[in-house]
Protein backbone atom coordinates (compact mmCIF):
# COMPACT_ATOMS: atom_id res chain seq x y z
CA UNK A 1 -36.92 -69.17 26.52
CA UNK A 2 -38.60 -70.71 29.56
CA UNK A 3 -37.49 -69.42 32.95
CA UNK A 4 -36.41 -71.67 35.77
CA UNK A 5 -39.10 -72.49 38.31
CA UNK A 6 -38.25 -71.85 41.94
CA UNK A 7 -41.36 -73.62 43.26
CA UNK A 8 -39.40 -76.51 44.77
CA UNK A 9 -36.46 -74.46 46.05
CA UNK A 10 -35.65 -74.64 49.75
CA UNK A 11 -35.34 -70.87 49.97
CA UNK A 12 -38.07 -68.42 50.97
CA UNK A 13 -36.70 -65.70 48.69
CA UNK A 14 -36.73 -68.04 45.68
CA UNK A 15 -40.27 -69.19 46.44
CA UNK A 16 -41.40 -65.56 46.83
CA UNK A 17 -39.89 -64.73 43.45
CA UNK A 18 -41.73 -67.72 41.97
CA UNK A 19 -45.03 -66.18 43.11
CA UNK A 20 -44.20 -62.71 41.84
CA UNK A 21 -42.91 -63.72 38.41
CA UNK A 22 -40.88 -60.86 36.94
CA UNK A 23 -40.27 -57.13 37.18
CA UNK A 24 -43.63 -56.34 35.59
CA UNK A 25 -45.28 -57.88 38.64
CA UNK A 26 -43.79 -55.30 41.00
CA UNK A 27 -45.09 -52.49 38.79
CA UNK A 28 -48.53 -54.11 38.67
CA UNK A 29 -48.52 -54.49 42.47
CA UNK A 30 -47.50 -50.83 42.82
CA UNK A 31 -50.35 -49.70 40.57
CA UNK A 32 -52.92 -51.91 42.28
CA UNK A 33 -51.83 -50.44 45.61
CA UNK A 34 -52.15 -46.92 44.19
CA UNK A 35 -55.69 -47.64 42.97
CA UNK A 36 -54.95 -48.22 39.30
CA UNK A 37 -56.84 -51.48 39.17
CA UNK A 38 -58.58 -51.69 35.80
CA UNK A 39 -57.02 -53.52 32.89
CA UNK A 40 -56.90 -50.67 30.37
CA UNK A 41 -55.53 -48.25 32.97
CA UNK A 42 -52.77 -50.73 33.88
CA UNK A 43 -51.83 -51.16 30.21
CA UNK A 44 -51.65 -47.40 29.74
CA UNK A 45 -49.84 -46.64 33.00
CA UNK A 46 -46.99 -49.14 32.86
CA UNK A 47 -46.80 -49.71 29.11
CA UNK A 48 -47.19 -53.48 29.30
CA UNK A 49 -48.67 -55.47 26.42
CA UNK A 50 -52.23 -56.67 26.89
CA UNK A 51 -51.32 -60.37 26.57
CA UNK A 52 -48.49 -60.08 29.10
CA UNK A 53 -50.71 -58.18 31.53
CA UNK A 54 -53.39 -60.86 31.17
CA UNK A 55 -50.81 -63.50 32.08
CA UNK A 56 -49.35 -61.55 35.01
CA UNK A 57 -52.77 -60.69 36.47
CA UNK A 58 -53.79 -64.34 36.11
CA UNK A 59 -50.65 -65.38 37.98
CA UNK A 60 -51.28 -62.82 40.76
CA UNK A 61 -54.83 -64.13 41.16
CA UNK A 62 -53.74 -67.79 41.02
CA UNK A 63 -51.06 -67.18 43.67
CA UNK A 64 -53.48 -65.35 45.96
CA UNK A 65 -51.80 -61.93 45.71
CA UNK A 66 -54.70 -60.21 43.93
CA UNK A 67 -58.41 -60.77 43.50
CA UNK A 68 -60.46 -60.23 40.35
CA UNK A 69 -63.76 -58.45 41.01
CA UNK A 70 -66.58 -57.62 38.62
CA UNK A 71 -67.51 -53.95 38.53
CA UNK A 72 -69.83 -54.11 35.49
CA UNK A 73 -72.10 -56.85 34.17
CA UNK A 74 -72.91 -55.76 30.60
CA UNK A 75 -70.39 -56.06 29.10
CA UNK A 76 -68.50 -57.92 31.82
CA UNK A 77 -65.68 -55.76 33.25
CA UNK A 78 -63.31 -56.55 36.08
CA UNK A 79 -60.91 -54.78 38.37
CA UNK A 80 -58.08 -56.21 40.44
CA UNK A 81 -57.45 -55.57 44.12
CA UNK A 82 -54.68 -56.70 46.41
CA UNK A 83 -55.43 -59.51 48.85
CA UNK A 84 -53.88 -59.56 52.33
CA UNK A 85 -50.71 -61.35 51.10
CA UNK A 86 -50.51 -58.91 48.19
CA UNK A 87 -50.90 -55.91 50.51
CA UNK A 88 -48.09 -57.27 52.70
CA UNK A 89 -45.79 -56.83 49.67
CA UNK A 90 -46.47 -53.07 49.62
CA UNK A 91 -43.75 -52.19 52.18
CA UNK A 92 -41.28 -54.12 50.01
CA UNK A 93 -42.40 -52.19 46.92
CA UNK A 94 -42.04 -48.93 48.89
CA UNK A 95 -38.56 -49.90 50.14
CA UNK A 96 -37.45 -50.75 46.57
CA UNK A 97 -38.84 -47.40 45.45
CA UNK A 98 -36.81 -45.61 48.16
CA UNK A 99 -33.70 -47.52 47.05
CA UNK A 100 -34.37 -46.39 43.47
CA UNK A 101 -34.86 -42.79 44.62
CA UNK A 102 -31.40 -42.94 46.22
CA UNK A 103 -29.40 -45.00 43.70
CA UNK A 104 -31.27 -44.80 40.37
CA UNK A 105 -33.50 -41.71 40.38
CA UNK A 106 -35.08 -40.38 37.20
CA UNK A 107 -33.30 -37.25 35.90
CA UNK A 108 -36.37 -35.17 36.83
CA UNK A 109 -36.09 -36.24 40.47
CA UNK A 110 -38.09 -38.33 42.91
CA UNK A 111 -41.47 -39.06 41.25
CA UNK A 112 -43.41 -39.90 44.43
CA UNK A 113 -43.24 -39.07 48.11
CA UNK A 114 -44.98 -41.01 50.84
CA UNK A 115 -46.93 -39.71 53.83
CA UNK A 116 -47.48 -41.92 56.88
CA UNK A 117 -51.17 -41.44 57.65
CA UNK A 118 -50.82 -42.17 61.38
CA UNK A 119 -48.39 -39.33 62.05
CA UNK A 120 -48.98 -37.19 58.95
CA UNK A 121 -45.28 -36.97 58.11
CA UNK A 122 -43.54 -37.46 54.77
CA UNK A 123 -41.18 -40.42 55.16
CA UNK A 124 -38.59 -42.49 53.36
CA UNK A 125 -39.49 -46.18 53.45
CA UNK A 126 -36.90 -48.39 55.13
CA UNK A 127 -36.54 -51.92 56.37
CA UNK A 128 -36.18 -52.10 60.14
CA UNK A 129 -35.83 -54.69 62.88
CA UNK A 130 -39.22 -55.64 64.29
CA UNK A 131 -37.64 -56.12 67.75
CA UNK A 132 -35.82 -52.79 68.23
CA UNK A 133 -37.01 -50.63 65.31
CA UNK A 134 -33.49 -49.84 64.11
CA UNK A 135 -32.80 -49.84 60.35
CA UNK A 136 -31.40 -53.06 58.93
CA UNK A 137 -27.85 -52.65 57.60
CA UNK A 138 -26.22 -55.51 55.69
CA UNK A 139 -23.07 -55.74 57.83
CA UNK A 140 -25.09 -55.83 61.06
CA UNK A 141 -27.00 -59.06 60.30
CA UNK A 142 -25.93 -62.63 61.05
CA UNK A 143 -27.75 -65.40 59.20
CA UNK A 144 -28.54 -68.47 61.30
CA UNK A 145 -30.00 -71.79 60.21
CA UNK A 146 -33.77 -71.86 60.64
CA UNK A 147 -36.01 -74.80 61.49
CA UNK A 148 -36.59 -75.53 57.80
CA UNK A 149 -32.94 -75.08 56.86
CA UNK A 150 -31.04 -77.82 55.15
CA UNK A 151 -29.64 -78.75 51.78
CA UNK A 152 -31.98 -78.58 48.82
CA UNK A 153 -32.48 -76.76 45.54
CA UNK A 154 -31.50 -73.12 45.97
CA UNK A 155 -29.65 -73.74 49.25
CA UNK A 156 -27.07 -76.52 48.86
CA UNK A 157 -23.95 -74.45 49.54
CA UNK A 158 -25.60 -72.12 52.04
CA UNK A 159 -27.00 -75.00 54.12
CA UNK A 160 -23.61 -76.74 54.12
CA UNK A 161 -21.76 -73.58 55.20
CA UNK A 162 -24.24 -72.78 57.96
CA UNK A 163 -24.08 -76.39 59.21
CA UNK A 164 -20.26 -76.18 59.28
CA UNK A 165 -20.43 -72.96 61.32
CA UNK A 166 -22.87 -74.56 63.78
CA UNK A 167 -20.65 -77.66 64.06
CA UNK A 168 -17.57 -75.52 64.72
CA UNK A 169 -19.38 -73.49 67.41
CA UNK A 170 -19.09 -70.27 65.39
CA UNK A 171 -22.91 -70.12 65.23
CA UNK A 172 -25.65 -71.63 67.35
CA UNK A 173 -29.13 -72.50 66.23
CA UNK A 174 -31.78 -70.03 67.42
CA UNK A 175 -34.26 -70.99 70.08
């Protein structure tokens, strides 16, 4: 069964998911970040089939999230490293890991802990406001229409509802 493409959706989340592909991609990104960057090691670590890993790595490279680099000429061997856009996904991977540690931990307990190298402290990844530094909590966020907002695939109802709230004065456009 072919999955739906989100490439033309008018939604940044949908378009991000289009680039990432599926749940295997997050595990591949995690491993690349942790230095597991050779094909056979990735197969062994996450238990993915070789043909599926070939496809997912090809997609990551094609979408600019990873780069394929030769590390041996005879026979040709390659490793994969995160690009800048790929590395910017790492905090998201860490935050999802922290969510899993809280709500879906393995029976044996938390498999990884993270140390912030700047301060040397063990920390729990979280999503925070870049303006004040406070943690983001779902019921403390108001969604406003952005400059690219409007009806389109993936945002028909949302765009209409936000436009109605702006028209009624309940919300105002930012800026």
